[in-house]
Amino acid sequence: MFSHYAYMKEAGNYQFMLDNQDSKNFIVTFIVIKKEESDELREKVKWLLLGIDERSKKQKVIESMAPNLADLSFSIFSFVLNKERLRDEGGFGDRQSLFAYLNKEIYDNLFDGHRHMQVQVMKESSPYIDSFVKYIEERQQPDLFNSSAFSFIEQADDELMKLAKLISDVLLDEYTDQKESTFLNELAERVIRIKLLPDFQLDFDLDGDGDLDDIIARYAISEAESYIRQYEKSKVQVNRDRVNFLKFLLTQLSIKPREYVYSQEIIDNIRRFSPDSISKEYLMRDITGPLRDAGLLIASTSKGYKIPVSKSDLLDYVNFSSSMALPMLRRIEKSREIILRETDGEVDILEEEEFKELKEFFIK
């Protein structure tokens, strides 16, 4: 059974149309309280919220109630997402990528360490909250001893949900206007964590060959970052597509270091930044091929692409590539042998200069 409730509310929007200052941030706040104290706290918050106009949220009124809120028993966890940085540094272009990134951050920083907590969300929720509910439920299935990780509230005027919304709105104003909030300063003792995102620190821990995997990961990540720095300001679209491809893989690496990213997911993301047509052939021919030719390590299998961070990633890539290349080479070799035999050695289908490198594979 759960010993705490967490009331979840968001502020801002999760779209990537950054046409005004207000749209640059998206914030999710959790008000965490002890289960047995919820009714008493709700009643106290109800009286404190009476003086606030829900439409105007007068700043002076909000700040005046802060000392009284500070005396109540609850904790604040907030996640402040800067979409501008996520787009420019992380290569994100759609809300599905944003949701995946934010869900993992919340799970790793809040939910995974508080399994005794049940999240309260509005029954008619948003696309983001729907995605978060699905994300958590996939990882924490209820059983005979553990009820659902979520409870759905039908009352739109729930006081504790209003409090979570109020704090999210105050944070949105603070990070939009970049002004210090007296309200939050007064509530300092209640704030457990305000995590600013994105945070692309690749501090994951992978089971593998230790130092050897570390060498592979450092080289692959360093070369990708170096390429991004070199071509980030390029006016050539294919260079920009390659940069966005690498940004996206690096960001996905920070979210799920062991997993590959499907080609279609990558294509959909690049399309949001490119006026050109992006196809699977373009991805292989004009993006991954030239990047590999430039010395970058990019692993790929039937499951997609990733920045390799282990010997295992590279072996997966070699195995996948050889499964396609070796049969083709064997067919060429067989055709060459047949023609050489039938023409008494007068015709070698690989004698042209353009096949010089290919012919070297068959010299024994």
Protein backbone atom coordinates (compact mmCIF):
# COMPACT_ATOMS: atom_id res chain seq x y z
CA MET A 1 0.00 0.00 0.00
CA PHE A 2 1.03 3.60 -0.58
CA SER A 3 1.97 5.92 2.25
CA HIS A 4 2.18 9.15 0.17
CA TYR A 5 0.21 10.93 -2.53
CA ALA A 6 1.75 13.04 -5.28
CA TYR A 7 -0.52 15.57 -7.02
CA MET A 8 0.73 16.13 -10.56
CA LYS A 9 0.19 19.26 -12.66
CA GLU A 10 1.83 20.83 -15.70
CA ALA A 11 2.30 24.40 -16.96
CA GLY A 12 3.31 25.78 -20.34
CA ASN A 13 3.00 23.72 -23.49
CA TYR A 14 4.96 20.90 -25.07
CA GLN A 15 4.87 22.09 -28.69
CA PHE A 16 8.10 23.02 -30.49
CA MET A 17 6.70 26.11 -32.21
CA LEU A 18 8.85 28.57 -30.27
CA ASP A 19 7.24 31.70 -31.64
CA ASN A 20 7.14 33.59 -28.34
CA GLN A 21 8.90 33.67 -24.99
CA ASP A 22 6.04 31.97 -23.17
CA SER A 23 6.37 28.82 -25.26
CA LYS A 24 9.99 28.03 -24.38
CA ASN A 25 9.34 26.20 -21.11
CA PHE A 26 7.25 23.22 -20.07
CA ILE A 27 6.96 22.41 -16.36
CA VAL A 28 5.65 19.43 -14.41
CA THR A 29 5.17 19.74 -10.62
CA PHE A 30 4.42 17.14 -7.96
CA ILE A 31 3.05 18.06 -4.51
CA VAL A 32 3.95 15.11 -2.27
CA ILE A 33 2.08 14.60 1.02
CA LYS A 34 1.55 11.85 3.56
CA LYS A 35 -1.59 9.88 2.89
CA GLU A 36 -2.96 10.30 6.42
CA GLU A 37 -2.48 14.08 6.28
CA SER A 38 -4.17 14.68 2.94
CA ASP A 39 -7.65 15.62 4.21
CA GLU A 40 -6.33 18.07 6.81
CA LEU A 41 -3.92 19.65 4.33
CA ARG A 42 -6.66 19.98 1.71
CA GLU A 43 -8.83 21.94 4.14
CA LYS A 44 -5.99 24.31 5.07
CA VAL A 45 -5.03 24.90 1.44
CA LYS A 46 -8.68 25.54 0.57
CA TRP A 47 -8.81 28.60 2.85
CA LEU A 48 -5.46 29.91 1.63
CA LEU A 49 -6.54 29.68 -2.01
CA LEU A 50 -9.75 31.63 -1.52
CA GLY A 51 -7.97 34.94 -2.06
CA ILE A 52 -6.57 34.02 -5.47
CA ASP A 53 -8.34 34.82 -8.70
CA GLU A 54 -7.77 31.71 -10.85
CA ARG A 55 -7.68 33.85 -13.98
CA SER A 56 -5.35 36.62 -12.87
CA LYS A 57 -3.33 34.96 -10.07
CA LYS A 58 -2.35 38.36 -8.61
CA GLN A 59 1.34 38.18 -7.74
CA LYS A 60 1.04 40.08 -4.45
CA VAL A 61 -1.74 37.79 -3.25
CA ILE A 62 0.28 34.71 -4.17
CA GLU A 63 3.38 35.98 -2.39
CA SER A 64 1.40 36.94 0.71
CA MET A 65 0.17 33.37 1.15
CA ALA A 66 3.66 31.85 0.85
CA PRO A 67 4.60 32.08 4.57
CA ASN A 68 1.38 30.28 5.51
CA LEU A 69 1.97 27.57 2.89
CA ALA A 70 5.52 27.16 4.15
CA ASP A 71 4.13 26.04 7.51
CA LEU A 72 2.13 23.20 5.95
CA SER A 73 3.36 19.64 5.57
CA PHE A 74 4.06 18.92 1.89
CA SER A 75 7.03 18.65 -0.47
CA ILE A 76 7.62 20.12 -3.92
CA PHE A 77 9.28 18.31 -6.84
CA SER A 78 9.35 20.24 -10.14
CA PHE A 79 10.87 19.52 -13.53
CA VAL A 80 11.52 22.59 -15.69
CA LEU A 81 12.06 21.74 -19.34
CA ASN A 82 13.69 24.29 -21.66
CA LYS A 83 12.38 23.31 -25.09
CA GLU A 84 14.68 25.73 -26.89
CA ARG A 85 17.76 23.95 -25.50
CA LEU A 86 16.17 20.57 -26.06
CA ARG A 87 15.68 21.44 -29.73
CA ASP A 88 19.04 23.15 -30.32
CA GLU A 89 21.29 20.90 -28.23
CA GLY A 90 19.33 17.68 -28.18
CA GLY A 91 18.05 17.54 -31.73
CA PHE A 92 14.43 17.12 -30.62
CA GLY A 93 11.64 18.11 -32.97
CA ASP A 94 8.48 16.39 -31.80
CA ARG A 95 6.53 15.90 -28.63
CA GLN A 96 6.97 12.11 -28.57
CA SER A 97 10.72 12.56 -28.10
CA LEU A 98 10.10 15.23 -25.46
CA PHE A 99 7.69 12.95 -23.60
CA ALA A 100 10.15 10.02 -23.62
CA TYR A 101 12.97 12.21 -22.30
CA LEU A 102 10.89 13.89 -19.59
CA ASN A 103 9.22 10.66 -18.46
CA LYS A 104 12.57 8.98 -17.89
CA GLU A 105 13.92 12.00 -15.99
CA ILE A 106 10.89 12.06 -13.68
CA TYR A 107 10.96 8.31 -13.18
CA ASP A 108 14.70 8.24 -12.41
CA ASN A 109 14.68 11.31 -10.17
CA LEU A 110 11.38 10.95 -8.36
CA PHE A 111 9.25 7.91 -8.96
CA ASP A 112 11.84 5.15 -8.93
CA GLY A 113 13.01 6.22 -5.48
CA HIS A 114 9.47 6.66 -4.09
CA ARG A 115 7.65 3.40 -4.79
CA HIS A 116 5.45 4.07 -1.78
CA MET A 117 3.89 6.99 -3.66
CA GLN A 118 0.62 7.09 -5.60
CA VAL A 119 0.28 9.84 -8.22
CA GLN A 120 -3.00 11.75 -8.38
CA VAL A 121 -3.97 13.03 -11.84
CA MET A 122 -7.13 14.57 -13.31
CA LYS A 123 -9.40 12.07 -15.03
CA GLU A 124 -9.56 14.25 -18.15
CA SER A 125 -5.82 14.65 -18.50
CA SER A 126 -3.51 15.91 -21.24
CA PRO A 127 -1.54 14.00 -23.91
CA TYR A 128 1.59 14.40 -21.79
CA ILE A 129 0.05 13.05 -18.59
CA ASP A 130 -1.47 10.18 -20.58
CA SER A 131 2.02 9.29 -21.83
CA PHE A 132 3.44 9.51 -18.29
CA VAL A 133 0.75 7.23 -16.88
CA LYS A 134 1.49 4.67 -19.60
CA TYR A 135 5.26 4.95 -18.99
CA ILE A 136 4.96 4.30 -15.24
CA GLU A 137 2.36 1.57 -15.52
CA GLU A 138 4.62 -0.35 -17.91
CA ARG A 139 7.33 -0.33 -15.23
CA GLN A 140 5.27 -0.80 -12.08
CA GLN A 141 2.51 -3.32 -12.58
CA PRO A 142 0.09 -3.63 -9.64
CA ASP A 143 -0.14 -6.96 -7.85
CA LEU A 144 -1.85 -8.43 -4.79
CA PHE A 145 0.35 -6.39 -2.46
CA ASN A 146 0.71 -3.19 -4.45
CA SER A 147 -2.21 -1.20 -5.88
CA SER A 148 -2.11 1.00 -8.97
CA ALA A 149 0.53 3.73 -9.14
CA PHE A 150 -2.18 6.21 -10.13
CA SER A 151 -5.50 7.50 -8.86
CA PHE A 152 -7.73 9.59 -11.11
CA ILE A 153 -9.47 12.66 -9.67
CA GLU A 154 -12.79 13.76 -11.14
CA GLN A 155 -13.25 17.05 -9.21
CA ALA A 156 -11.75 19.90 -11.22
CA ASP A 157 -11.62 22.09 -8.11
CA ASP A 158 -9.52 19.76 -5.94
CA GLU A 159 -7.49 22.07 -3.65
CA LEU A 160 -4.27 20.05 -3.69
CA MET A 161 -4.36 19.82 -7.48
CA LYS A 162 -4.84 23.60 -7.53
CA LEU A 163 -1.78 24.00 -5.32
CA ALA A 164 0.32 21.90 -7.69
CA LYS A 165 -0.95 23.99 -10.60
CA LEU A 166 -0.21 27.24 -8.76
CA ILE A 167 3.40 26.28 -8.11
CA SER A 168 3.87 25.15 -11.72
CA ASP A 169 2.47 28.49 -12.93
CA VAL A 170 4.76 30.47 -10.61
CA LEU A 171 7.76 28.51 -11.89
CA LEU A 172 6.68 29.11 -15.49
CA ASP A 173 6.52 32.87 -14.84
CA GLU A 174 9.89 32.82 -13.09
CA TYR A 175 11.76 30.98 -15.84
CA THR A 176 9.98 32.89 -18.61
CA ASP A 177 10.75 36.31 -17.11
CA GLN A 178 14.03 35.14 -15.53
CA LYS A 179 13.15 36.88 -12.29
CA GLU A 180 13.68 35.57 -8.79
CA SER A 181 10.47 34.44 -7.11
CA THR A 182 9.72 35.66 -3.57
CA PHE A 183 7.03 33.00 -3.44
CA LEU A 184 9.50 30.17 -3.99
CA ASN A 185 12.07 31.72 -1.66
CA GLU A 186 9.46 31.64 1.10
CA LEU A 187 8.71 28.00 0.27
CA ALA A 188 12.38 26.97 0.23
CA GLU A 189 11.90 24.47 3.05
CA ARG A 190 9.14 22.75 1.09
CA VAL A 191 11.18 22.45 -2.15
CA ILE A 192 12.93 19.09 -2.39
CA ARG A 193 14.01 19.39 -6.00
CA ILE A 194 13.64 21.74 -8.95
CA LYS A 195 15.41 19.97 -11.78
CA LEU A 196 16.31 22.02 -14.82
CA LEU A 197 16.29 20.11 -18.09
CA PRO A 198 17.81 19.19 -20.47
CA ASP A 199 20.79 17.62 -18.78
CA PHE A 200 22.68 15.63 -21.36
CA GLN A 201 25.23 14.12 -19.00
CA LEU A 202 26.01 10.64 -20.28
CA ASP A 203 26.63 9.18 -16.85
CA PHE A 204 25.00 5.82 -17.51
CA ASP A 205 26.41 2.57 -16.19
CA LEU A 206 26.66 -0.34 -18.61
CA ASP A 207 27.69 -3.89 -17.84
CA GLY A 208 30.49 -4.86 -20.19
CA ASP A 209 34.25 -4.93 -20.63
CA GLY A 210 34.96 -2.00 -18.34
CA ASP A 211 37.91 0.03 -19.63
CA LEU A 212 37.54 -1.21 -23.21
CA ASP A 213 33.89 -0.19 -23.34
CA ASP A 214 34.83 3.16 -21.80
CA ILE A 215 37.39 3.76 -24.59
CA ILE A 216 34.80 2.93 -27.26
CA ALA A 217 32.13 5.14 -25.65
CA ARG A 218 34.47 8.10 -25.15
CA TYR A 219 35.70 7.98 -28.75
CA ALA A 220 32.25 7.56 -30.29
CA ILE A 221 30.69 10.35 -28.22
CA SER A 222 33.67 12.69 -28.63
CA GLU A 223 33.73 12.33 -32.42
CA ALA A 224 29.98 12.91 -32.65
CA GLU A 225 30.22 16.04 -30.50
CA SER A 226 33.21 17.28 -32.51
CA TYR A 227 31.30 16.87 -35.78
CA ILE A 228 28.34 18.75 -34.33
CA ARG A 229 30.57 21.68 -33.29
CA GLN A 230 32.21 21.79 -36.72
CA TYR A 231 29.05 21.72 -38.84
CA GLU A 232 26.32 23.08 -36.55
CA LYS A 233 26.32 26.48 -38.27
CA SER A 234 26.61 25.07 -41.79
CA LYS A 235 24.20 26.44 -44.38
CA VAL A 236 24.37 23.20 -46.37
CA GLN A 237 21.20 21.27 -45.59
CA VAL A 238 22.73 17.79 -45.69
CA ASN A 239 25.31 18.88 -43.10
CA ARG A 240 22.51 20.21 -40.91
CA ASP A 241 20.62 16.92 -41.32
CA ARG A 242 23.71 15.00 -40.21
CA VAL A 243 24.11 17.29 -37.20
CA ASN A 244 20.46 16.79 -36.19
CA PHE A 245 20.87 13.04 -36.67
CA LEU A 246 23.86 13.01 -34.28
CA LYS A 247 22.16 15.29 -31.75
CA PHE A 248 19.17 13.01 -31.69
CA LEU A 249 21.26 9.86 -31.22
CA LEU A 250 23.28 11.47 -28.43
CA THR A 251 20.13 12.58 -26.65
CA GLN A 252 18.53 9.16 -27.04
CA LEU A 253 21.76 7.70 -25.66
CA SER A 254 21.24 9.66 -22.46
CA ILE A 255 17.68 8.32 -22.21
CA LYS A 256 18.16 4.67 -23.17
CA PRO A 257 21.87 3.84 -23.64
CA ARG A 258 21.30 0.15 -24.41
CA GLU A 259 18.58 0.62 -27.01
CA TYR A 260 18.62 1.34 -30.72
CA VAL A 261 16.52 4.09 -32.27
CA TYR A 262 14.29 2.97 -35.12
CA SER A 263 14.98 4.47 -38.55
CA GLN A 264 11.46 5.86 -38.89
CA GLU A 265 11.72 7.63 -35.54
CA ILE A 266 14.96 9.27 -36.72
CA ILE A 267 13.46 10.17 -40.09
CA ASP A 268 10.40 11.74 -38.47
CA ASN A 269 12.62 13.82 -36.23
CA ILE A 270 14.94 15.05 -39.02
CA ARG A 271 11.93 15.99 -41.15
CA ARG A 272 10.94 18.57 -38.55
CA PHE A 273 14.17 20.45 -39.17
CA SER A 274 14.65 19.90 -42.91
CA PRO A 275 12.74 21.28 -45.92
CA ASP A 276 14.04 18.38 -48.01
CA SER A 277 12.47 14.98 -48.46
CA ILE A 278 13.90 12.49 -45.95
CA SER A 279 13.72 8.80 -46.81
CA LYS A 280 15.35 5.65 -45.52
CA GLU A 281 17.63 5.64 -48.56
CA TYR A 282 18.65 9.24 -47.86
CA LEU A 283 19.36 8.34 -44.24
CA MET A 284 21.72 5.54 -45.28
CA ARG A 285 23.28 7.14 -48.37
CA ASP A 286 23.65 10.79 -47.37
CA ILE A 287 23.77 10.73 -43.58
CA THR A 288 25.12 7.57 -41.98
CA GLY A 289 27.42 6.58 -44.87
CA PRO A 290 29.34 9.88 -45.05
CA LEU A 291 29.50 10.10 -41.25
CA ARG A 292 31.12 6.68 -41.08
CA ASP A 293 33.48 7.65 -43.91
CA ALA A 294 34.48 10.67 -41.77
CA GLY A 295 35.54 8.34 -38.95
CA LEU A 296 32.47 8.45 -36.74
CA LEU A 297 31.28 5.26 -35.07
CA ILE A 298 27.60 4.54 -35.67
CA ALA A 299 26.18 1.14 -34.83
CA SER A 300 23.16 -0.21 -36.68
CA THR A 301 21.09 -3.36 -36.72
CA SER A 302 17.60 -4.27 -37.89
CA LYS A 303 16.41 -2.41 -34.76
CA GLY A 304 17.84 0.93 -35.89
CA TYR A 305 20.84 3.10 -35.05
CA LYS A 306 22.79 4.17 -31.96
CA ILE A 307 26.06 5.68 -30.83
CA PRO A 308 28.11 2.63 -29.78
CA VAL A 309 29.26 2.59 -26.17
CA SER A 310 30.53 -0.97 -25.91
CA LYS A 311 32.29 -3.73 -27.80
CA SER A 312 28.94 -5.51 -27.95
CA ASP A 313 27.41 -2.59 -29.90
CA LEU A 314 30.19 -2.80 -32.48
CA LEU A 315 29.90 -6.58 -32.81
CA ASP A 316 26.17 -6.17 -33.39
CA TYR A 317 26.97 -3.75 -36.21
CA VAL A 318 29.59 -6.04 -37.79
CA ASN A 319 27.28 -9.03 -37.56
CA PHE A 320 24.39 -7.13 -39.13
CA SER A 321 26.51 -5.65 -41.92
CA SER A 322 28.25 -8.93 -42.73
CA SER A 323 24.92 -10.73 -42.96
CA MET A 324 24.10 -8.49 -45.92
CA ALA A 325 27.55 -7.90 -47.44
CA LEU A 326 28.98 -11.44 -47.44
CA PRO A 327 26.17 -13.06 -49.48
CA MET A 328 26.48 -10.32 -52.12
CA LEU A 329 30.27 -10.71 -52.28
CA ARG A 330 29.96 -14.47 -52.63
CA ARG A 331 27.50 -14.04 -55.53
CA ILE A 332 29.87 -11.66 -57.28
CA GLU A 333 32.74 -14.08 -56.74
CA LYS A 334 30.73 -16.99 -58.15
CA SER A 335 29.67 -14.96 -61.22
CA ARG A 336 33.30 -13.91 -61.80
CA GLU A 337 34.53 -17.52 -61.58
CA ILE A 338 31.88 -18.72 -64.03
CA ILE A 339 32.73 -16.07 -66.63
CA LEU A 340 36.49 -16.64 -66.24
CA ARG A 341 35.97 -20.38 -66.78
CA GLU A 342 33.64 -20.06 -69.75
CA THR A 343 35.87 -17.50 -71.55
CA ASP A 344 39.13 -19.25 -70.75
CA GLY A 345 40.16 -16.32 -68.60
CA GLU A 346 39.64 -13.65 -71.27
CA VAL A 347 36.82 -11.82 -69.49
CA ASP A 348 37.17 -10.65 -65.89
CA ILE A 349 34.09 -8.75 -64.81
CA LEU A 350 36.17 -6.97 -62.15
CA GLU A 351 39.04 -5.82 -64.41
CA GLU A 352 37.71 -2.27 -64.78
CA GLU A 353 39.47 0.43 -62.73
CA GLU A 354 36.27 1.28 -60.89
CA PHE A 355 36.22 -2.27 -59.44
CA LYS A 356 39.85 -2.23 -58.31
CA GLU A 357 39.03 -2.13 -54.58
CA LEU A 358 36.31 -4.74 -54.94
CA LYS A 359 38.64 -7.10 -56.83
CA GLU A 360 41.11 -7.05 -53.93
CA PHE A 361 38.57 -8.93 -51.83
CA PHE A 362 38.85 -11.92 -54.19
CA ILE A 363 42.65 -12.08 -54.60
CA LYS A 364 43.81 -15.18 -52.78
